[in-house]
Protein backbone atom coordinates (compact mmCIF):
# COMPACT_ATOMS: atom_id res chain seq x y z
CA LEU A 1 0.15 0.06 0.24
CA LEU A 2 2.86 2.58 0.96
CA ALA A 3 4.82 1.69 -2.30
CA ALA A 4 1.70 2.42 -4.25
CA LEU A 5 0.62 5.41 -2.62
CA GLU A 6 4.91 6.74 -3.06
CA GLN A 7 4.62 6.39 -6.85
CA ASP A 8 3.35 9.23 -8.51
CA GLY A 9 0.55 8.35 -10.69
CA ALA A 10 0.05 5.02 -9.72
CA PRO A 11 -3.58 3.88 -11.07
CA VAL A 12 -4.18 1.96 -7.61
CA ALA A 13 -3.39 5.01 -5.72
CA PRO A 14 -6.75 6.69 -5.16
CA PHE A 15 -8.09 3.08 -4.37
CA VAL A 16 -5.28 2.41 -0.92
CA PRO A 17 -7.83 4.64 1.58
CA MET A 18 -10.18 2.51 0.85
CA ALA A 19 -7.59 -0.32 2.52
CA PHE A 20 -7.47 1.94 5.26
CA GLN A 21 -11.03 2.52 5.70
CA VAL A 22 -11.50 -1.14 6.08
CA LEU A 23 -8.70 -1.91 8.87
CA THR A 24 -9.42 1.33 10.89
CA PRO A 25 -13.37 1.79 10.37
CA PRO A 26 -14.54 5.27 10.97
CA SER A 27 -16.42 5.53 13.95
CA PHE A 28 -17.74 8.71 16.04
CA GLU A 29 -20.02 9.16 19.27
CA PRO A 30 -22.24 11.68 20.49
CA SER A 31 -20.74 15.16 21.78
CA ALA A 32 -21.39 15.92 25.62
CA SER A 33 -23.41 19.37 24.77
CA ALA A 34 -25.65 17.76 22.06
CA SER A 35 -26.33 15.01 24.80
CA SER A 36 -26.94 17.74 27.45
CA SER A 37 -29.53 19.53 25.16
CA SER A 38 -30.92 16.15 24.18
CA SER A 39 -31.05 15.92 28.15
CA SER A 40 -32.57 19.25 28.38
CA ALA A 41 -35.20 18.60 26.12
CA ARG A 42 -36.10 15.44 27.61
CA ALA A 43 -36.70 17.31 30.91
CA ARG A 44 -38.87 19.98 29.14
CA SER A 45 -41.19 17.27 27.65
CA ALA A 46 -41.46 15.47 30.97
CA GLY A 47 -42.51 18.97 32.61
CA GLY A 48 -44.99 19.90 30.32
CA GLY A 49 -42.75 22.16 28.48
CA SER A 50 -42.87 22.92 24.82
CA SER A 51 -40.42 21.23 23.58
CA SER A 52 -42.10 18.71 20.89
CA SER A 53 -38.90 16.16 20.66
CA THR A 54 -35.60 15.44 21.83
CA ALA A 55 -32.24 16.49 20.35
CA SER A 56 -30.33 14.19 18.29
CA PRO A 57 -26.42 13.58 19.47
CA SER A 58 -23.30 15.63 17.67
CA PRO A 59 -21.39 12.62 16.32
CA LEU A 60 -17.79 14.34 16.06
CA ALA A 61 -16.81 14.65 19.77
CA ALA A 62 -14.81 11.16 20.12
CA PRO A 63 -14.10 8.31 18.18
CA SER A 64 -15.54 4.76 19.64
CA PHE A 65 -12.64 2.31 19.69
CA ARG A 66 -14.32 -0.77 18.54
CA GLN A 67 -11.60 -0.96 16.01
CA LYS A 68 -10.32 -4.29 14.07
CA LEU A 69 -6.86 -3.42 15.11
CA SER A 70 -6.13 -3.78 18.71
CA PRO A 71 -4.80 -0.57 20.92
CA ILE A 72 -1.11 -1.82 20.42
CA ALA A 73 -1.31 -2.48 16.89
CA LEU A 74 -2.47 0.89 16.42
CA GLN A 75 0.13 2.41 18.05
CA GLN A 76 2.81 0.18 16.41
CA LEU A 77 1.47 2.11 13.23
CA SER A 78 1.16 5.47 14.64
CA GLN A 79 4.89 5.00 14.72
CA THR A 80 5.93 3.31 11.58
CA VAL A 81 3.50 3.99 9.19
CA LEU A 82 2.22 7.22 10.16
CA PRO A 83 5.57 8.91 9.11
CA GLN A 84 5.65 7.66 6.01
CA LEU A 85 2.29 8.54 4.95
CA VAL A 86 2.69 12.15 5.87
CA THR A 87 6.16 12.09 3.93
CA ALA A 88 4.64 10.91 0.75
CA ALA A 89 1.62 13.24 1.49
CA ARG A 90 4.13 15.97 1.23
CA LYS A 91 5.93 14.69 -1.47
CA ILE A 92 3.00 13.44 -3.91
CA GLY A 93 0.53 16.84 -3.02
CA LYS A 94 3.57 19.42 -2.47
CA GLN A 95 1.96 22.21 -4.69
CA GLN A 96 -1.37 21.40 -2.91
CA VAL A 97 -0.17 20.19 0.83
CA ASP A 98 2.71 21.83 1.16
CA ALA A 99 3.46 24.45 4.30
CA VAL A 100 0.61 25.52 6.24
CA SER A 101 1.42 28.68 5.28
CA LYS A 102 -0.13 28.03 1.88
CA PRO A 103 -3.17 29.83 0.40
CA ILE A 104 -6.15 28.71 2.53
CA ASP A 105 -8.16 27.20 -0.64
CA ALA A 106 -5.55 24.50 -1.35
CA GLY A 107 -6.35 21.97 -3.50
CA GLU A 108 -7.96 18.44 -2.78
CA SER A 109 -6.12 16.04 -0.26
CA SER A 110 -4.20 13.42 -1.67
CA PRO A 111 -4.71 9.76 -1.01
CA ALA A 112 -1.33 9.54 1.34
CA LEU A 113 -3.01 12.54 3.07
CA GLU A 114 -6.65 10.68 3.35
CA CYS A 115 -4.68 7.41 4.95
CA ALA A 116 -3.00 9.26 7.32
CA VAL A 117 -6.17 10.95 8.80
CA MET A 118 -7.98 7.61 9.01
CA LEU A 119 -4.96 6.33 11.09
CA LEU A 120 -4.63 9.45 13.34
CA ALA A 121 -8.59 9.44 13.78
CA ALA A 122 -8.41 5.55 15.34
CA LEU A 123 -5.92 6.58 17.74
CA PRO A 124 -6.76 6.73 21.25
CA ILE A 125 -6.13 10.45 22.09
CA GLU A 126 -2.82 9.52 24.42
CA VAL A 127 -1.64 7.95 21.21
CA LEU A 128 -2.53 11.01 19.12
CA VAL A 129 -1.25 13.52 21.37
CA ALA A 130 2.15 11.94 21.12
CA CYS A 131 2.25 11.92 16.98
CA GLY A 132 2.61 15.95 17.67
CA GLU A 133 3.82 17.85 14.44
CA ASP A 134 2.29 14.83 12.47
CA TYR A 135 -1.01 15.21 13.97
CA ARG A 136 -0.80 19.21 13.33
CA TRP A 137 0.11 18.76 10.27
CA CYS A 138 -2.28 16.50 8.79
CA THR A 139 -5.17 18.33 10.81
CA LEU A 140 -4.75 21.84 9.24
CA VAL A 141 -3.69 20.75 5.48
CA GLY A 142 -6.76 18.54 5.77
CA LEU A 143 -9.15 21.49 6.82
CA LYS A 144 -7.66 23.37 3.49
CA SER A 145 -9.45 20.70 1.38
CA LEU A 146 -12.84 21.56 2.84
CA LYS A 147 -13.33 24.02 -0.20
CA ALA A 148 -12.45 21.46 -2.64
CA THR A 149 -14.94 19.07 -1.22
CA HIS A 150 -17.64 21.90 -1.57
CA SER A 151 -16.94 22.74 -4.84
CA ALA A 152 -16.26 19.30 -6.43
CA ASN A 153 -19.49 18.71 -8.73
CA SER A 154 -19.28 14.59 -8.77
CA SER A 155 -21.19 11.55 -8.03
CA PRO A 156 -22.42 10.53 -4.66
CA ALA A 157 -19.96 8.16 -3.94
CA PRO A 158 -17.01 10.36 -4.53
CA LEU A 159 -18.73 12.84 -2.46
CA THR A 160 -19.59 10.52 0.20
CA THR A 161 -15.92 9.74 0.24
CA ARG A 162 -14.67 12.80 0.74
CA ALA A 163 -17.18 14.07 3.19
CA LEU A 164 -15.38 11.12 5.32
CA PHE A 165 -12.19 12.28 5.08
CA ALA A 166 -13.47 16.46 6.30
CA ALA A 167 -15.58 14.64 9.25
CA GLN A 168 -12.31 12.65 10.34
CA VAL A 169 -10.11 15.88 10.29
CA LEU A 170 -12.73 17.82 11.91
CA GLN A 171 -12.84 15.04 14.62
CA LEU A 172 -9.12 15.69 15.06
CA LEU A 173 -9.27 19.19 15.40
CA VAL A 174 -12.18 18.97 18.04
CA ARG A 175 -9.96 16.20 19.63
CA ALA A 176 -6.89 18.80 20.05
CA ALA A 177 -9.21 21.82 21.27
CA LYS A 178 -10.53 19.38 24.03
CA LYS A 179 -7.03 18.95 25.04
CA SER A 180 -6.23 22.38 24.49
CA LEU A 181 -3.32 21.56 22.27
CA SER A 182 -1.02 24.79 21.74
CA TRP A 183 -1.21 24.71 18.12
CA VAL A 184 -4.45 25.17 17.86
CA GLU A 185 -4.19 28.80 18.84
CA ASP A 186 -0.97 29.54 17.26
CA ASP A 187 -2.81 28.64 13.87
CA LEU A 188 -6.33 30.58 14.28
CA THR A 189 -5.73 32.02 10.72
CA SER A 190 -5.57 28.58 9.18
CA ILE A 191 -8.58 27.33 11.11
CA ILE A 192 -11.15 29.82 11.67
CA PRO A 193 -12.01 30.89 8.17
CA MET A 194 -12.59 27.23 7.40
CA LEU A 195 -14.91 26.52 9.50
CA THR A 196 -16.61 29.36 9.03
CA PHE A 197 -17.26 28.78 5.47
CA ALA A 198 -17.51 24.97 5.91
CA CYS A 199 -20.27 25.49 8.84
CA THR A 200 -22.55 27.17 6.50
CA SER A 201 -21.93 26.08 2.60
CA HIS A 202 -20.38 22.51 2.75
CA PRO A 203 -23.29 20.40 1.11
CA VAL A 204 -22.80 17.31 3.99
CA PRO A 205 -24.81 18.07 6.84
CA LEU A 206 -22.78 15.97 8.93
CA VAL A 207 -19.37 18.24 8.14
CA ARG A 208 -21.47 21.23 8.52
CA LEU A 209 -22.38 20.11 11.70
CA GLY A 210 -18.73 19.38 12.53
CA SER A 211 -17.57 22.71 11.69
CA LEU A 212 -19.68 24.27 14.32
CA GLN A 213 -18.83 21.70 16.90
CA ALA A 214 -15.08 22.43 16.66
CA LEU A 215 -15.82 26.20 16.36
CA GLN A 216 -17.46 25.84 19.76
CA MET A 217 -14.79 23.94 20.97
CA ILE A 218 -12.28 26.90 20.19
CA ILE A 219 -14.67 29.61 21.26
CA GLU A 220 -14.94 28.00 24.87
CA THR A 221 -10.84 27.72 25.06
CA SER A 222 -9.48 30.49 23.09
CA GLN A 223 -11.87 33.15 23.21
CA GLY A 224 -9.16 36.36 23.83
CA HIS A 225 -7.44 34.99 20.61
CA ILE A 226 -10.56 34.56 18.37
CA LEU A 227 -11.93 38.46 18.39
CA PRO A 228 -10.09 39.65 15.66
CA TYR A 229 -12.60 36.71 13.81
CA LYS A 230 -15.28 38.37 15.52
CA ARG A 231 -17.13 39.31 12.23
CA ASP A 232 -16.93 36.27 10.63
CA ILE A 233 -17.91 34.08 13.35
CA GLU A 234 -21.02 35.94 14.35
CA ARG A 235 -21.57 35.96 10.06
CA ALA A 236 -21.57 31.62 10.10
CA THR A 237 -23.01 31.00 13.29
CA ARG A 238 -26.36 33.52 12.66
CA LYS A 239 -26.69 31.75 9.35
CA ALA A 240 -25.93 27.81 10.91
CA VAL A 241 -29.07 28.69 12.89
CA GLU A 242 -31.38 28.79 10.24
CA ASP A 243 -29.68 25.25 8.74
CA ARG A 244 -32.50 23.43 7.16
CA LYS A 245 -30.94 20.51 9.32
CA ARG A 246 -32.21 20.42 13.03
CA GLU A 247 -29.16 18.81 14.49
CA VAL A 248 -26.68 21.25 12.60
CA ARG A 249 -29.39 24.08 14.17
CA LEU A 250 -28.71 22.65 17.91
CA VAL A 251 -24.95 23.17 17.79
CA ALA A 252 -25.28 26.26 16.05
CA VAL A 253 -27.52 27.56 18.68
CA ALA A 254 -24.93 26.30 21.28
CA CYS A 255 -21.90 27.76 19.39
CA LEU A 256 -23.83 31.30 19.29
CA ASN A 257 -24.23 30.79 23.13
CA ALA A 258 -21.15 30.28 24.10
CA TRP A 259 -19.66 33.13 21.71
CA HIS A 260 -21.95 35.83 23.50
CA CYS A 261 -20.96 34.22 26.92
CA GLY A 262 -17.66 34.63 26.24
CA LEU A 263 -18.14 37.97 24.98
CA THR A 264 -19.87 38.86 28.23
CA MET A 265 -17.26 37.50 30.43
CA ASP A 266 -14.55 39.36 28.62
CA ARG A 267 -15.86 42.79 29.04
CA ASP A 268 -16.73 41.58 32.99
């Protein structure tokens, strides 16, 4: 598989991520914020409130580790295979996925990057954090592909594959924000514009929801550092509150509330 990724223009390379998907199948669990929203809705219903139904959970907070590979095997892959995947991604897609300082609307992801993200998303958080620069690079470069995913007008199957990649990238970002990793604040100039774009413009609801969840987590942990993006954040969250999907609207409301609560605390 690695040899196929390292060959420029290898016909089998686009299908290698499917093999990694079989080895490390994607899995998502409800987030705490969405679960609490659901609990609040159930409580209002039980008390005769006006709420008519419970909230659906947000699926990008943390992965479920019912993996086909054991944790030890995953850790070994993170030490042996992941560096090779990142090296291949840097080499093959050098013009599109080079340094993080590249323009924010860089092109689509490479198969090597997709494989690296799948492997990272399958790791327990302790092992994931230990991946350091590879974790940071894959997440930030993966975020750049959100616009390419949105603009690609192709068949439903490829769109689903790209949406899965985007969801796993957002999952990595959410986990980094929850652990308050320093690079999240250091790279807000690359992160915030992509999140505010994706949460309102991406065609896949799961990706819009994940973008809002990541934005909410960053708001709650990096309030003082995101004030320069006040206008973009408020515009995006207010638009997302009117999303056609109820699950997205619920997370958008929570994100908007977190933003206004943070602003109030800063004034105090």
